[in-house]
PDB file of N, CA and C in Angstrom:
ATOM      1  N   MET A   1       0.007  -3.950  -4.701  1.00  0.00           N
ATOM      2  CA  MET A   1       0.092  -2.505  -4.705  1.00  0.00           C
ATOM      3  C   MET A   1       1.271  -2.057  -5.575  1.00  0.00           C
ATOM      4  N   SER A   2       1.798  -2.986  -6.342  1.00  0.00           N
ATOM      5  CA  SER A   2       2.925  -2.673  -7.210  1.00  0.00           C
ATOM      6  C   SER A   2       2.450  -1.825  -8.375  1.00  0.00           C
ATOM      7  N   ASP A   3       3.254  -0.858  -8.738  1.00  0.00           N
ATOM      8  CA  ASP A   3       2.909   0.071  -9.801  1.00  0.00           C
ATOM      9  C   ASP A   3       4.107   0.202 -10.721  1.00  0.00           C
ATOM     10  N   GLU A   4       3.864   0.272 -12.033  1.00  0.00           N
ATOM     11  CA  GLU A   4       4.951   0.398 -12.993  1.00  0.00           C
ATOM     12  C   GLU A   4       5.756   1.667 -12.763  1.00  0.00           C
ATOM     13  N   LYS A   5       5.158   2.693 -12.183  1.00  0.00           N
ATOM     14  CA  LYS A   5       5.826   3.967 -11.947  1.00  0.00           C
ATOM     15  C   LYS A   5       6.663   3.958 -10.669  1.00  0.00           C
ATOM     16  N   THR A   6       6.571   2.911  -9.888  1.00  0.00           N
ATOM     17  CA  THR A   6       7.267   2.844  -8.610  1.00  0.00           C
ATOM     18  C   THR A   6       8.725   2.474  -8.837  1.00  0.00           C
ATOM     19  N   SER A   7       9.617   3.321  -8.367  1.00  0.00           N
ATOM     20  CA  SER A   7      11.044   3.056  -8.515  1.00  0.00           C
ATOM     21  C   SER A   7      11.495   2.070  -7.444  1.00  0.00           C
ATOM     22  N   PRO A   8      12.636   1.419  -7.672  1.00  0.00           N
ATOM     23  CA  PRO A   8      13.141   0.488  -6.650  1.00  0.00           C
ATOM     24  C   PRO A   8      13.367   1.153  -5.295  1.00  0.00           C
ATOM     25  N   SER A   9      13.809   2.411  -5.292  1.00  0.00           N
ATOM     26  CA  SER A   9      14.018   3.089  -4.010  1.00  0.00           C
ATOM     27  C   SER A   9      12.684   3.349  -3.311  1.00  0.00           C
ATOM     28  N   ASP A  10      11.633   3.657  -4.085  1.00  0.00           N
ATOM     29  CA  ASP A  10      10.303   3.834  -3.491  1.00  0.00           C
ATOM     30  C   ASP A  10       9.804   2.521  -2.899  1.00  0.00           C
ATOM     31  N   THR A  11      10.059   1.430  -3.619  1.00  0.00           N
ATOM     32  CA  THR A  11       9.629   0.120  -3.141  1.00  0.00           C
ATOM     33  C   THR A  11      10.351  -0.234  -1.848  1.00  0.00           C
ATOM     34  N   GLY A  12      11.654   0.028  -1.793  1.00  0.00           N
ATOM     35  CA  GLY A  12      12.415  -0.240  -0.576  1.00  0.00           C
ATOM     36  C   GLY A  12      11.924   0.592   0.591  1.00  0.00           C
ATOM     37  N   PHE A  13      11.631   1.866   0.315  1.00  0.00           N
ATOM     38  CA  PHE A  13      11.108   2.744   1.362  1.00  0.00           C
ATOM     39  C   PHE A  13       9.770   2.226   1.860  1.00  0.00           C
ATOM     40  N   ARG A  14       8.901   1.842   0.938  1.00  0.00           N
ATOM     41  CA  ARG A  14       7.579   1.335   1.315  1.00  0.00           C
ATOM     42  C   ARG A  14       7.710   0.091   2.186  1.00  0.00           C
ATOM     43  N   GLU A  15       8.614  -0.814   1.792  1.00  0.00           N
ATOM     44  CA  GLU A  15       8.803  -2.037   2.569  1.00  0.00           C
ATOM     45  C   GLU A  15       9.309  -1.729   3.976  1.00  0.00           C
ATOM     46  N   LYS A  16      10.247  -0.790   4.094  1.00  0.00           N
ATOM     47  CA  LYS A  16      10.765  -0.407   5.408  1.00  0.00           C
ATOM     48  C   LYS A  16       9.679   0.253   6.252  1.00  0.00           C
ATOM     49  N   LEU A  17       8.889   1.115   5.622  1.00  0.00           N
ATOM     50  CA  LEU A  17       7.817   1.793   6.341  1.00  0.00           C
ATOM     51  C   LEU A  17       6.782   0.794   6.852  1.00  0.00           C
ATOM     52  N   LEU A  18       6.403  -0.152   6.006  1.00  0.00           N
ATOM     53  CA  LEU A  18       5.437  -1.165   6.433  1.00  0.00           C
ATOM     54  C   LEU A  18       6.005  -2.046   7.539  1.00  0.00           C
ATOM     55  N   ALA A  19       7.294  -2.357   7.463  1.00  0.00           N
ATOM     56  CA  ALA A  19       7.920  -3.164   8.516  1.00  0.00           C
ATOM     57  C   ALA A  19       7.913  -2.412   9.844  1.00  0.00           C
ATOM     58  N   MET A  20       8.193  -1.113   9.799  1.00  0.00           N
ATOM     59  CA  MET A  20       8.167  -0.316  11.032  1.00  0.00           C
ATOM     60  C   MET A  20       6.760  -0.241  11.603  1.00  0.00           C
ATOM     61  N   LEU A  21       5.766  -0.074  10.729  1.00  0.00           N
ATOM     62  CA  LEU A  21       4.383  -0.012  11.193  1.00  0.00           C
ATOM     63  C   LEU A  21       3.954  -1.353  11.790  1.00  0.00           C
ATOM     64  N   GLU A  22       4.366  -2.442  11.162  1.00  0.00           N
ATOM     65  CA  GLU A  22       4.054  -3.767  11.701  1.00  0.00           C
ATOM     66  C   GLU A  22       4.705  -3.958  13.072  1.00  0.00           C
ATOM     67  N   TRP A  23       5.945  -3.516  13.204  1.00  0.00           N
ATOM     68  CA  TRP A  23       6.656  -3.608  14.484  1.00  0.00           C
ATOM     69  C   TRP A  23       5.893  -2.836  15.560  1.00  0.00           C
ATOM     70  N   LEU A  24       5.479  -1.612  15.222  1.00  0.00           N
ATOM     71  CA  LEU A  24       4.735  -0.795  16.177  1.00  0.00           C
ATOM     72  C   LEU A  24       3.398  -1.450  16.526  1.00  0.00           C
ATOM     73  N   ALA A  25       2.714  -1.981  15.529  1.00  0.00           N
ATOM     74  CA  ALA A  25       1.406  -2.595  15.760  1.00  0.00           C
ATOM     75  C   ALA A  25       1.504  -3.801  16.685  1.00  0.00           C
ATOM     76  N   GLU A  26       2.606  -4.542  16.593  1.00  0.00           N
ATOM     77  CA  GLU A  26       2.790  -5.692  17.479  1.00  0.00           C
ATOM     78  C   GLU A  26       2.994  -5.249  18.926  1.00  0.00           C
ATOM     79  N   ARG A  27       3.639  -4.116  19.122  1.00  0.00           N
ATOM     80  CA  ARG A  27       3.961  -3.648  20.463  1.00  0.00           C
ATOM     81  C   ARG A  27       2.891  -2.739  21.056  1.00  0.00           C
ATOM     82  N   ASP A  28       2.278  -1.924  20.212  1.00  0.00           N
ATOM     83  CA  ASP A  28       1.271  -0.973  20.692  1.00  0.00           C
ATOM     84  C   ASP A  28       0.236  -0.740  19.591  1.00  0.00           C
ATOM     85  N   PRO A  29      -0.751  -1.620  19.497  1.00  0.00           N
ATOM     86  CA  PRO A  29      -1.742  -1.520  18.422  1.00  0.00           C
ATOM     87  C   PRO A  29      -2.501  -0.194  18.406  1.00  0.00           C
ATOM     88  N   VAL A  30      -2.741   0.367  19.576  1.00  0.00           N
ATOM     89  CA  VAL A  30      -3.474   1.635  19.641  1.00  0.00           C
ATOM     90  C   VAL A  30      -2.643   2.757  19.030  1.00  0.00           C
ATOM     91  N   ALA A  31      -1.371   2.805  19.350  1.00  0.00           N
ATOM     92  CA  ALA A  31      -0.496   3.833  18.776  1.00  0.00           C
ATOM     93  C   ALA A  31      -0.399   3.675  17.264  1.00  0.00           C
ATOM     94  N   ALA A  32      -0.320   2.444  16.794  1.00  0.00           N
ATOM     95  CA  ALA A  32      -0.254   2.204  15.352  1.00  0.00           C
ATOM     96  C   ALA A  32      -1.536   2.675  14.670  1.00  0.00           C
ATOM     97  N   ALA A  33      -2.672   2.380  15.272  1.00  0.00           N
ATOM     98  CA  ALA A  33      -3.947   2.809  14.700  1.00  0.00           C
ATOM     99  C   ALA A  33      -4.057   4.329  14.672  1.00  0.00           C
ATOM    100  N   ARG A  34      -3.601   4.977  15.737  1.00  0.00           N
ATOM    101  CA  ARG A  34      -3.640   6.447  15.772  1.00  0.00           C
ATOM    102  C   ARG A  34      -2.736   7.043  14.698  1.00  0.00           C
ATOM    103  N   LEU A  35      -1.563   6.454  14.515  1.00  0.00           N
ATOM    104  CA  LEU A  35      -0.631   6.935  13.503  1.00  0.00           C
ATOM    105  C   LEU A  35      -1.238   6.818  12.109  1.00  0.00           C
ATOM    106  N   VAL A  36      -1.826   5.676  11.819  1.00  0.00           N
ATOM    107  CA  VAL A  36      -2.458   5.473  10.517  1.00  0.00           C
ATOM    108  C   VAL A  36      -3.615   6.445  10.340  1.00  0.00           C
ATOM    109  N   ALA A  37      -4.443   6.594  11.359  1.00  0.00           N
ATOM    110  CA  ALA A  37      -5.593   7.497  11.272  1.00  0.00           C
ATOM    111  C   ALA A  37      -5.155   8.937  11.053  1.00  0.00           C
ATOM    112  N   GLU A  38      -4.065   9.342  11.684  1.00  0.00           N
ATOM    113  CA  GLU A  38      -3.593  10.718  11.564  1.00  0.00           C
ATOM    114  C   GLU A  38      -3.166  11.053  10.139  1.00  0.00           C
ATOM    115  N   TYR A  39      -2.598  10.073   9.448  1.00  0.00           N
ATOM    116  CA  TYR A  39      -2.061  10.344   8.120  1.00  0.00           C
ATOM    117  C   TYR A  39      -2.918   9.826   6.973  1.00  0.00           C
ATOM    118  N   THR A  40      -4.034   9.162   7.261  1.00  0.00           N
ATOM    119  CA  THR A  40      -4.876   8.609   6.207  1.00  0.00           C
ATOM    120  C   THR A  40      -5.370   9.685   5.252  1.00  0.00           C
ATOM    121  N   GLU A  41      -5.859  10.784   5.782  1.00  0.00           N
ATOM    122  CA  GLU A  41      -6.379  11.861   4.932  1.00  0.00           C
ATOM    123  C   GLU A  41      -5.284  12.405   4.009  1.00  0.00           C
ATOM    124  N   ASP A  42      -4.096  12.602   4.549  1.00  0.00           N
ATOM    125  CA  ASP A  42      -2.981  13.103   3.752  1.00  0.00           C
ATOM    126  C   ASP A  42      -2.589  12.112   2.664  1.00  0.00           C
ATOM    127  N   LEU A  43      -2.544  10.832   3.017  1.00  0.00           N
ATOM    128  CA  LEU A  43      -2.173   9.815   2.043  1.00  0.00           C
ATOM    129  C   LEU A  43      -3.198   9.721   0.923  1.00  0.00           C
ATOM    130  N   LEU A  44      -4.470   9.773   1.265  1.00  0.00           N
ATOM    131  CA  LEU A  44      -5.510   9.719   0.242  1.00  0.00           C
ATOM    132  C   LEU A  44      -5.441  10.926  -0.683  1.00  0.00           C
ATOM    133  N   ALA A  45      -5.171  12.095  -0.136  1.00  0.00           N
ATOM    134  CA  ALA A  45      -5.034  13.295  -0.961  1.00  0.00           C
ATOM    135  C   ALA A  45      -3.844  13.165  -1.897  1.00  0.00           C
ATOM    136  N   GLU A  46      -2.761  12.610  -1.408  1.00  0.00           N
ATOM    137  CA  GLU A  46      -1.563  12.433  -2.224  1.00  0.00           C
ATOM    138  C   GLU A  46      -1.832  11.450  -3.359  1.00  0.00           C
ATOM    139  N   VAL A  47      -2.498  10.349  -3.046  1.00  0.00           N
ATOM    140  CA  VAL A  47      -2.824   9.345  -4.058  1.00  0.00           C
ATOM    141  C   VAL A  47      -3.768   9.927  -5.105  1.00  0.00           C
ATOM    142  N   ALA A  48      -4.688  10.773  -4.671  1.00  0.00           N
ATOM    143  CA  ALA A  48      -5.646  11.387  -5.588  1.00  0.00           C
ATOM    144  C   ALA A  48      -5.006  12.485  -6.427  1.00  0.00           C
ATOM    145  N   GLY A  49      -3.785  12.877  -6.077  1.00  0.00           N
ATOM    146  CA  GLY A  49      -3.084  13.895  -6.847  1.00  0.00           C
ATOM    147  C   GLY A  49      -3.365  15.305  -6.391  1.00  0.00           C
ATOM    148  N   GLY A  50      -4.060  15.455  -5.294  1.00  0.00           N
ATOM    149  CA  GLY A  50      -4.402  16.779  -4.815  1.00  0.00           C
ATOM    150  C   GLY A  50      -3.359  17.387  -3.908  1.00  0.00           C
ATOM    151  N   GLY A  51      -2.309  16.651  -3.625  1.00  0.00           N
ATOM    152  CA  GLY A  51      -1.304  17.148  -2.693  1.00  0.00           C
ATOM    153  C   GLY A  51      -1.803  16.977  -1.277  1.00  0.00           C
ATOM    154  N   ALA A  52      -0.888  16.903  -0.374  1.00  0.00           N
ATOM    155  CA  ALA A  52      -1.254  16.668   1.020  1.00  0.00           C
ATOM    156  C   ALA A  52      -1.057  17.926   1.836  1.00  0.00           C
ATOM    157  N   THR A  53      -1.891  18.066   2.845  1.00  0.00           N
ATOM    158  CA  THR A  53      -1.704  19.149   3.806  1.00  0.00           C
ATOM    159  C   THR A  53      -0.919  18.576   4.970  1.00  0.00           C
ATOM    160  N   PRO A  54      -0.147  19.374   5.648  1.00  0.00           N
ATOM    161  CA  PRO A  54       0.619  18.850   6.781  1.00  0.00           C
ATOM    162  C   PRO A  54      -0.293  18.228   7.831  1.00  0.00           C
ATOM    163  N   ALA A  55       0.149  17.130   8.412  1.00  0.00           N
ATOM    164  CA  ALA A  55      -0.639  16.455   9.441  1.00  0.00           C
ATOM    165  C   ALA A  55      -0.900  17.409  10.589  1.00  0.00           C
ATOM    166  N   GLY A  56      -2.092  17.329  11.112  1.00  0.00           N
ATOM    167  CA  GLY A  56      -2.440  18.190  12.229  1.00  0.00           C
ATOM    168  C   GLY A  56      -3.032  19.516  11.795  1.00  0.00           C
ATOM    169  N   SER A  57      -3.034  19.795  10.483  1.00  0.00           N
ATOM    170  CA  SER A  57      -3.568  21.072  10.010  1.00  0.00           C
ATOM    171  C   SER A  57      -5.013  20.943   9.558  1.00  0.00           C
ATOM    172  N   LYS A  58      -5.632  19.844   9.935  1.00  0.00           N
ATOM    173  CA  LYS A  58      -7.026  19.622   9.560  1.00  0.00           C
ATOM    174  C   LYS A  58      -7.904  20.623  10.287  1.00  0.00           C
ATOM    175  N   GLY A  59      -8.882  21.135   9.561  1.00  0.00           N
ATOM    176  CA  GLY A  59      -9.702  22.166  10.134  1.00  0.00           C
ATOM    177  C   GLY A  59     -10.841  21.672  10.826  1.00  0.00           C
TER     178      GLY A  59
END
């Protein structure tokens, strides 16, 4: 998932975020799945360049 446009600080943030998600998944897989599901739409919109809507504002 490495990208030439990714700065070292972005990479560090991504690694920390994934580590936190892994930690949560080990302790409470259901909570981790809910967290991922809640933000999947926003993340996909961001990746597509359409900008993200705040979580929970889904219609």
